[in-house]
Amino acid sequence: MNPKLHRLVTFGLAICLVQSNAVPKTILANGNDCPDDRLMKSRTCKSSMENLRNQYRDTLSNLQDVLAKTIDEVDKAASRQLEPLCSKLSLQTPLIRAEDVQKCVLSQWSEWSKPQGFGKIKRTREIKINGCGCPDESELVQTVDVSKYTNDNTSVADQFQGEFLTNGSNPNLPRDILIVLDSSGSIYDKDFELMKDGLEIMIDLFCGGFGPDKSNNRMAIIQFATNVTIIHEFGDDQDPETLKEKVRKLRHYAGNTCTGDAMDVASRDIFNSVNGMRDYTVKDTLLVTDGQSNCGVDLHYTVSTFLQKKSKVWALGVGLATSPAAKKEVESVVTDRNAKHIFSLAQFTDFKAMIDNIKARGTSDPCQKIEL
């Protein structure tokens, strides 16, 4: 190429590049232009910076192609005006800077929840703006096991009243409620008496009460150890005093813990229209137990295959928080494996204290009115 023409082309290209502001700046390495080391190492940051590098690489490639075509065209037509070439060099890529990468913005942590189930509490936060440095979903939830504090049963009383004794989740509907009482040998006689005392008081605390009317709740009771006994059915007298008298007459069996057999009887014989179950009611089963089953039919299979198709299943576990196997069994049989269906206490004295606590509140927690 003619030297004078080469200098002319070079000068013209320089003018075009300056006019188009197309030359990307180098990413600076100082603290003002780069994210801190922690963010730079995060997966989302690496992805964002890789995108910037790809843009920079594409820009340079584009510039190289344009220069090659320009020189080729100049060689072919030295007299061509340089102005049309400037338009071909109009690269619209913005300046590439690390501070332009969108950083992650998170909400504040929520308040800790009240203990549910076997004493776990949790708090959460959300991603407000998704960007560089955002954590995985698992890091948006924090869970802490506080089961060692379950003997302080104020929060358990709140949960028991708010979830089981009231009809808040099923307003305006009467309930058929089955109580399944563990009477095995692992429960001391004095603890069984505390269980009875608490249940007797509890009869007066259910929203809607018990009675013969269509809008009243009805109660059934099963007691089990090695054998299973039906104490009361939905079709029996539902006067509250009759129910209390049945509870007072209960005697401790001792023996094994055949929980699966008790749940099988519940499914086949209690939740049966022949024995007084009504088709328009909410069905709830509360299992009160202090340990893991050790005899009879398979508990999980019986509950999941039969009983849960007829009734919600709740559990009040006494002293189970320190037994991983017993906790796992209870969690496997309650409805939806949801912690709100589990109430955990350290000992039977806590059960009686919890019921007394709820009774003392009186009308501070009004019930929903049942209307059919």
Protein backbone atom coordinates (compact mmCIF):
# COMPACT_ATOMS: atom_id res chain seq x y z
CA MET A 1 0.00 0.00 0.00
CA ASN A 2 1.13 3.54 -0.70
CA PRO A 3 2.76 4.90 2.55
CA LYS A 4 0.83 8.16 2.39
CA LEU A 5 -2.42 6.27 1.86
CA HIS A 6 -1.60 3.93 4.79
CA ARG A 7 -1.05 6.92 7.10
CA LEU A 8 -4.31 8.43 5.90
CA VAL A 9 -6.24 5.24 6.65
CA THR A 10 -4.63 4.88 10.06
CA PHE A 11 -5.45 8.51 10.94
CA GLY A 12 -9.03 8.11 9.73
CA LEU A 13 -9.59 4.94 11.76
CA ALA A 14 -8.27 6.63 14.86
CA ILE A 15 -10.73 9.47 14.37
CA CYS A 16 -13.61 6.99 13.93
CA LEU A 17 -12.72 5.07 17.09
CA VAL A 18 -12.53 8.23 19.17
CA GLN A 19 -15.82 9.49 17.75
CA SER A 20 -17.64 6.22 18.44
CA ASN A 21 -16.18 5.85 21.99
CA ALA A 22 -15.89 2.17 21.14
CA VAL A 23 -12.70 1.21 22.92
CA PRO A 24 -13.58 -0.68 26.11
CA LYS A 25 -11.81 0.31 29.27
CA THR A 26 -9.75 -2.28 31.07
CA ILE A 27 -11.42 -3.60 34.22
CA LEU A 28 -9.63 -1.82 37.02
CA ALA A 29 -8.23 -3.81 39.93
CA ASN A 30 -8.67 -1.24 42.68
CA GLY A 31 -11.19 -1.54 45.52
CA ASN A 32 -13.61 1.00 44.01
CA ASP A 33 -14.19 -0.77 40.71
CA CYS A 34 -14.15 -4.44 41.74
CA PRO A 35 -16.42 -6.37 44.10
CA ASP A 36 -14.75 -7.68 47.27
CA ASP A 37 -13.05 -11.09 47.25
CA ARG A 38 -16.00 -12.89 48.81
CA LEU A 39 -18.37 -11.76 46.08
CA MET A 40 -15.82 -12.41 43.31
CA LYS A 41 -15.62 -16.04 44.47
CA SER A 42 -19.37 -16.58 44.47
CA ARG A 43 -20.94 -18.59 41.68
CA THR A 44 -23.22 -15.77 40.52
CA CYS A 45 -20.31 -13.28 40.44
CA LYS A 46 -18.18 -15.60 38.39
CA SER A 47 -21.02 -16.01 35.94
CA SER A 48 -21.53 -12.25 35.64
CA MET A 49 -17.85 -11.55 35.11
CA GLU A 50 -17.63 -14.32 32.55
CA ASN A 51 -20.46 -12.63 30.62
CA LEU A 52 -18.48 -9.37 30.67
CA ARG A 53 -15.36 -11.10 29.40
CA ASN A 54 -17.39 -12.63 26.57
CA GLN A 55 -18.72 -9.17 25.63
CA TYR A 56 -15.19 -7.77 25.65
CA ARG A 57 -13.95 -10.65 23.50
CA ASP A 58 -16.82 -10.13 21.01
CA THR A 59 -16.04 -6.41 20.84
CA LEU A 60 -12.38 -7.02 19.99
CA SER A 61 -13.34 -9.63 17.41
CA ASN A 62 -15.79 -7.22 15.82
CA LEU A 63 -13.15 -4.48 15.71
CA GLN A 64 -10.65 -6.85 14.09
CA ASP A 65 -13.16 -7.83 11.39
CA VAL A 66 -14.01 -4.20 10.65
CA LEU A 67 -10.34 -3.20 10.36
CA ALA A 68 -9.62 -6.11 8.03
CA LYS A 69 -12.55 -5.21 5.79
CA THR A 70 -11.55 -1.55 5.89
CA ILE A 71 -7.99 -2.19 4.72
CA ASP A 72 -9.31 -4.51 2.04
CA GLU A 73 -11.71 -1.86 0.79
CA VAL A 74 -9.01 0.84 0.86
CA ASP A 75 -6.74 -1.37 -1.18
CA LYS A 76 -9.50 -1.84 -3.72
CA ALA A 77 -10.64 1.76 -3.84
CA ALA A 78 -8.15 4.21 -2.39
CA SER A 79 -10.33 7.12 -3.38
CA ARG A 80 -13.29 6.01 -1.26
CA GLN A 81 -14.32 8.49 1.39
CA LEU A 82 -13.52 7.47 4.98
CA GLU A 83 -16.87 8.69 6.32
CA PRO A 84 -18.85 5.54 5.36
CA LEU A 85 -16.24 3.46 7.17
CA CYS A 86 -16.86 5.33 10.42
CA SER A 87 -20.44 4.14 10.46
CA LYS A 88 -19.22 0.55 10.28
CA LEU A 89 -17.08 1.16 13.36
CA SER A 90 -20.02 2.43 15.43
CA LEU A 91 -19.72 -0.18 18.18
CA GLN A 92 -22.53 0.21 20.73
CA THR A 93 -20.91 -1.89 23.47
CA PRO A 94 -20.92 0.15 26.72
CA LEU A 95 -17.86 0.58 28.83
CA ILE A 96 -17.20 -2.65 30.76
CA ARG A 97 -16.77 -2.02 34.48
CA ALA A 98 -17.03 -4.40 37.44
CA GLU A 99 -19.18 -1.96 39.41
CA ASP A 100 -21.87 -2.26 36.74
CA VAL A 101 -22.51 -5.90 37.78
CA GLN A 102 -25.82 -6.08 39.69
CA LYS A 103 -25.19 -7.18 43.25
CA CYS A 104 -27.58 -9.37 45.26
CA VAL A 105 -29.96 -7.61 47.66
CA LEU A 106 -31.49 -9.65 50.53
CA SER A 107 -34.32 -8.86 52.92
CA GLN A 108 -33.81 -8.83 56.68
CA TRP A 109 -34.31 -12.10 58.61
CA SER A 110 -37.86 -12.69 59.79
CA GLU A 111 -38.68 -13.16 63.47
CA TRP A 112 -38.04 -16.63 64.87
CA SER A 113 -41.15 -18.83 64.75
CA LYS A 114 -42.58 -20.37 67.91
CA PRO A 115 -41.45 -23.96 68.59
CA GLN A 116 -43.48 -26.56 66.70
CA GLY A 117 -43.30 -30.31 66.67
CA PHE A 118 -40.26 -31.51 68.58
CA GLY A 119 -39.09 -28.01 69.45
CA LYS A 120 -37.68 -26.63 66.20
CA ILE A 121 -37.83 -22.94 65.42
CA LYS A 122 -36.96 -21.25 62.14
CA ARG A 123 -36.58 -17.90 60.43
CA THR A 124 -36.39 -16.96 56.75
CA ARG A 125 -35.31 -14.20 54.41
CA GLU A 126 -35.90 -13.47 50.73
CA ILE A 127 -33.94 -12.36 47.68
CA LYS A 128 -35.22 -8.87 46.83
CA ILE A 129 -32.92 -8.35 43.82
CA ASN A 130 -31.30 -11.37 42.19
CA GLY A 131 -27.71 -10.63 41.29
CA CYS A 132 -24.06 -11.19 42.02
CA GLY A 133 -23.45 -12.96 45.34
CA CYS A 134 -26.96 -14.33 45.97
CA PRO A 135 -26.99 -17.42 48.25
CA ASP A 136 -28.55 -20.79 47.48
CA GLU A 137 -32.13 -21.45 48.65
CA SER A 138 -30.84 -23.55 51.55
CA GLU A 139 -29.15 -20.44 52.96
CA LEU A 140 -32.42 -18.51 53.07
CA VAL A 141 -33.78 -20.62 55.95
CA GLN A 142 -32.27 -21.11 59.41
CA THR A 143 -33.56 -23.87 61.71
CA VAL A 144 -32.58 -24.39 65.34
CA ASP A 145 -33.53 -27.34 67.55
CA VAL A 146 -34.66 -26.07 70.96
CA SER A 147 -36.28 -29.31 72.12
CA LYS A 148 -34.44 -29.15 75.44
CA TYR A 149 -36.75 -26.26 76.35
CA THR A 150 -40.01 -28.11 75.70
CA ASN A 151 -40.64 -28.58 79.43
CA ASP A 152 -41.44 -24.87 79.40
CA ASN A 153 -44.73 -25.58 77.68
CA THR A 154 -46.20 -22.09 77.19
CA SER A 155 -45.51 -22.16 73.44
CA VAL A 156 -46.72 -25.77 73.20
CA ALA A 157 -49.94 -24.73 74.97
CA ASP A 158 -50.40 -21.96 72.39
CA GLN A 159 -49.95 -24.45 69.58
CA PHE A 160 -52.18 -27.12 71.15
CA GLN A 161 -55.00 -24.68 71.73
CA GLY A 162 -54.63 -22.84 68.44
CA GLU A 163 -54.31 -25.93 66.25
CA PHE A 164 -56.16 -28.80 67.96
CA LEU A 165 -58.67 -27.59 70.56
CA THR A 166 -60.10 -24.82 68.41
CA ASN A 167 -61.84 -25.24 65.09
CA GLY A 168 -60.01 -22.29 63.58
CA SER A 169 -58.74 -24.27 60.58
CA ASN A 170 -62.23 -25.65 59.95
CA PRO A 171 -64.63 -22.89 61.04
CA ASN A 172 -68.33 -23.60 61.46
CA LEU A 173 -67.94 -27.38 61.21
CA PRO A 174 -68.52 -29.94 64.00
CA ARG A 175 -65.87 -32.59 64.57
CA ASP A 176 -65.66 -36.31 65.29
CA ILE A 177 -62.60 -36.52 67.57
CA LEU A 178 -60.82 -39.75 68.50
CA ILE A 179 -58.36 -39.87 71.43
CA VAL A 180 -55.91 -42.81 71.32
CA LEU A 181 -54.24 -43.34 74.72
CA ASP A 182 -50.98 -45.25 75.21
CA SER A 183 -51.34 -47.45 78.32
CA SER A 184 -48.10 -49.47 77.95
CA GLY A 185 -45.70 -50.48 80.70
CA SER A 186 -43.23 -47.66 79.98
CA ILE A 187 -45.76 -45.25 81.49
CA TYR A 188 -45.77 -45.18 85.29
CA ASP A 189 -49.09 -45.47 87.13
CA LYS A 190 -48.79 -41.91 88.44
CA ASP A 191 -48.14 -40.61 84.90
CA PHE A 192 -51.17 -42.47 83.57
CA GLU A 193 -53.26 -40.75 86.24
CA LEU A 194 -51.87 -37.36 85.14
CA MET A 195 -52.85 -38.24 81.56
CA LYS A 196 -56.39 -39.03 82.72
CA ASP A 197 -56.64 -35.82 84.76
CA GLY A 198 -55.53 -33.72 81.82
CA LEU A 199 -57.92 -35.43 79.39
CA GLU A 200 -60.87 -34.98 81.78
CA ILE A 201 -60.26 -31.23 81.97
CA MET A 202 -59.61 -31.06 78.22
CA ILE A 203 -63.14 -32.29 77.43
CA ASP A 204 -64.50 -28.87 78.44
CA LEU A 205 -61.95 -26.96 76.34
CA PHE A 206 -62.89 -28.11 72.83
CA CYS A 207 -64.56 -25.43 70.74
CA GLY A 208 -68.18 -26.40 70.13
CA GLY A 209 -68.37 -28.75 73.12
CA PHE A 210 -69.86 -32.25 73.04
CA GLY A 211 -73.48 -33.33 72.87
CA PRO A 212 -76.20 -35.12 70.95
CA ASP A 213 -77.09 -32.31 68.54
CA LYS A 214 -76.10 -32.37 64.90
CA SER A 215 -73.91 -29.30 65.41
CA ASN A 216 -72.09 -30.73 68.46
CA ASN A 217 -68.72 -32.43 68.46
CA ARG A 218 -68.51 -36.12 69.31
CA MET A 219 -65.70 -38.00 71.03
CA ALA A 220 -64.41 -41.57 70.85
CA ILE A 221 -61.66 -43.06 73.04
CA ILE A 222 -59.29 -46.01 72.48
CA GLN A 223 -56.86 -47.35 75.07
CA PHE A 224 -54.02 -49.66 74.06
CA ALA A 225 -50.95 -51.55 75.22
CA THR A 226 -50.50 -55.19 74.14
CA ASN A 227 -54.25 -55.26 73.45
CA VAL A 228 -56.63 -52.59 72.19
CA THR A 229 -59.87 -51.58 73.93
CA ILE A 230 -62.59 -49.31 72.57
CA ILE A 231 -63.64 -47.21 75.57
CA HIS A 232 -66.19 -44.96 73.85
CA GLU A 233 -67.64 -44.62 70.33
CA PHE A 234 -69.13 -41.71 68.42
CA GLY A 235 -72.55 -43.35 68.68
CA ASP A 236 -72.40 -43.51 72.50
CA ASP A 237 -73.77 -40.89 74.92
CA GLN A 238 -71.94 -37.61 74.22
CA ASP A 239 -72.89 -35.74 77.38
CA PRO A 240 -69.63 -34.17 78.71
CA GLU A 241 -70.17 -35.67 82.17
CA THR A 242 -70.52 -39.15 80.64
CA LEU A 243 -67.25 -38.67 78.77
CA LYS A 244 -65.48 -37.53 81.94
CA GLU A 245 -66.80 -40.51 83.86
CA LYS A 246 -65.45 -42.87 81.18
CA VAL A 247 -62.02 -41.21 81.53
CA ARG A 248 -62.03 -41.44 85.32
CA LYS A 249 -62.71 -45.19 85.13
CA LEU A 250 -59.70 -45.92 82.90
CA ARG A 251 -57.17 -48.34 84.41
CA HIS A 252 -53.51 -48.62 83.47
CA TYR A 253 -52.86 -51.78 81.39
CA ALA A 254 -49.04 -51.96 81.24
CA GLY A 255 -47.60 -54.33 78.61
CA ASN A 256 -46.21 -53.66 75.12
CA THR A 257 -46.83 -50.71 72.77
CA CYS A 258 -48.95 -52.01 69.87
CA THR A 259 -49.68 -48.60 68.36
CA GLY A 260 -50.30 -49.98 64.86
CA ASP A 261 -53.07 -52.27 66.19
CA ALA A 262 -54.76 -49.29 67.87
CA MET A 263 -54.68 -47.29 64.64
CA ASP A 264 -56.05 -50.27 62.74
CA VAL A 265 -59.04 -50.45 65.13
CA ALA A 266 -59.49 -46.69 64.74
CA SER A 267 -59.68 -46.98 60.96
CA ARG A 268 -61.94 -50.03 60.81
CA ASP A 269 -64.24 -49.66 63.81
CA ILE A 270 -64.24 -46.06 65.07
CA PHE A 271 -64.38 -44.13 61.82
CA ASN A 272 -67.36 -46.15 60.67
CA SER A 273 -70.88 -44.80 60.16
CA VAL A 274 -72.29 -47.93 61.82
CA ASN A 275 -70.66 -46.83 65.08
CA GLY A 276 -71.77 -43.20 64.95
CA MET A 277 -69.31 -41.44 62.63
CA ARG A 278 -71.02 -38.67 60.66
CA ASP A 279 -70.30 -37.93 57.01
CA TYR A 280 -70.45 -34.11 57.26
CA THR A 281 -67.93 -33.60 60.09
CA VAL A 282 -64.23 -32.90 60.38
CA LYS A 283 -62.40 -36.04 61.57
CA ASP A 284 -59.40 -35.74 63.91
CA THR A 285 -57.32 -38.39 65.70
CA LEU A 286 -54.95 -37.53 68.57
CA LEU A 287 -52.37 -40.15 69.54
CA VAL A 288 -50.98 -39.67 73.07
CA THR A 289 -47.84 -41.78 73.54
CA ASP A 290 -44.53 -41.92 75.35
CA GLY A 291 -42.59 -44.28 73.09
CA GLN A 292 -42.00 -46.18 69.90
CA SER A 293 -44.28 -49.08 68.90
CA ASN A 294 -42.80 -52.53 69.48
CA CYS A 295 -45.54 -54.99 68.49
CA GLY A 296 -48.57 -55.47 66.26
CA VAL A 297 -49.14 -54.44 62.65
CA ASP A 298 -46.92 -51.92 60.91
CA LEU A 299 -47.87 -48.48 62.23
CA HIS A 300 -46.79 -46.34 59.28
CA TYR A 301 -48.45 -48.61 56.70
CA THR A 302 -51.71 -48.80 58.66
CA VAL A 303 -51.96 -45.05 59.18
CA SER A 304 -50.89 -43.96 55.69
CA THR A 305 -52.94 -46.60 53.87
CA PHE A 306 -56.15 -46.52 55.90
CA LEU A 307 -56.53 -44.04 58.74
CA GLN A 308 -55.29 -40.90 57.00
CA LYS A 309 -57.89 -41.43 54.29
CA LYS A 310 -60.57 -40.97 56.96
CA SER A 311 -59.05 -38.62 59.54
CA LYS A 312 -56.35 -36.08 60.19
CA VAL A 313 -53.74 -37.57 62.52
CA TRP A 314 -52.16 -35.59 65.36
CA ALA A 315 -49.67 -36.73 68.01
CA LEU A 316 -48.84 -35.63 71.53
CA GLY A 317 -45.45 -37.13 72.34
CA VAL A 318 -44.30 -37.18 75.96
CA GLY A 319 -40.57 -37.63 76.51
CA LEU A 320 -39.89 -38.42 72.83
CA ALA A 321 -37.62 -35.46 72.07
CA THR A 322 -34.51 -37.41 73.13
CA SER A 323 -35.38 -40.56 71.13
CA PRO A 324 -34.53 -40.21 67.41
CA ALA A 325 -36.34 -43.47 66.50
CA ALA A 326 -39.54 -42.52 68.34
CA LYS A 327 -39.47 -39.01 66.86
CA LYS A 328 -39.05 -40.40 63.35
CA GLU A 329 -41.98 -42.79 63.86
CA VAL A 330 -44.31 -40.05 65.08
CA GLU A 331 -43.27 -37.71 62.27
CA SER A 332 -44.06 -40.46 59.74
CA VAL A 333 -47.70 -40.91 60.84
CA VAL A 334 -49.02 -37.38 61.42
CA THR A 335 -50.91 -35.69 58.61
CA ASP A 336 -48.65 -34.32 55.86
CA ARG A 337 -45.64 -34.98 58.14
CA ASN A 338 -46.26 -31.42 59.24
CA ALA A 339 -44.72 -30.23 62.53
CA LYS A 340 -47.90 -28.36 63.44
CA HIS A 341 -49.59 -31.74 63.97
CA ILE A 342 -47.05 -32.73 66.67
CA PHE A 343 -47.07 -31.51 70.27
CA SER A 344 -43.99 -32.40 72.32
CA LEU A 345 -43.68 -32.36 76.12
CA ALA A 346 -40.91 -33.62 78.39
CA GLN A 347 -43.10 -35.41 80.95
CA PHE A 348 -46.71 -36.10 81.90
CA THR A 349 -46.66 -33.42 84.60
CA ASP A 350 -46.22 -30.97 81.72
CA PHE A 351 -49.34 -32.35 80.01
CA LYS A 352 -51.48 -31.68 83.09
CA ALA A 353 -49.83 -28.25 83.53
CA MET A 354 -50.45 -27.39 79.87
CA ILE A 355 -54.17 -28.21 80.12
CA ASP A 356 -54.46 -26.21 83.35
CA ASN A 357 -52.71 -23.31 81.60
CA ILE A 358 -55.23 -23.36 78.74
CA LYS A 359 -58.19 -23.64 81.11
CA ALA A 360 -56.97 -20.62 83.10
CA ARG A 361 -57.11 -18.45 79.99
CA GLY A 362 -60.89 -18.72 80.02
CA THR A 363 -62.55 -16.76 77.20
CA SER A 364 -59.41 -14.88 76.13
CA ASP A 365 -59.29 -17.12 73.04
CA PRO A 366 -62.87 -17.32 71.74
CA CYS A 367 -63.95 -20.19 69.51
CA GLN A 368 -65.56 -20.03 66.13
CA LYS A 369 -69.32 -20.57 66.30
CA ILE A 370 -70.49 -23.80 64.69
CA GLU A 371 -73.39 -23.38 62.28
CA LEU A 372 -74.72 -26.01 59.91
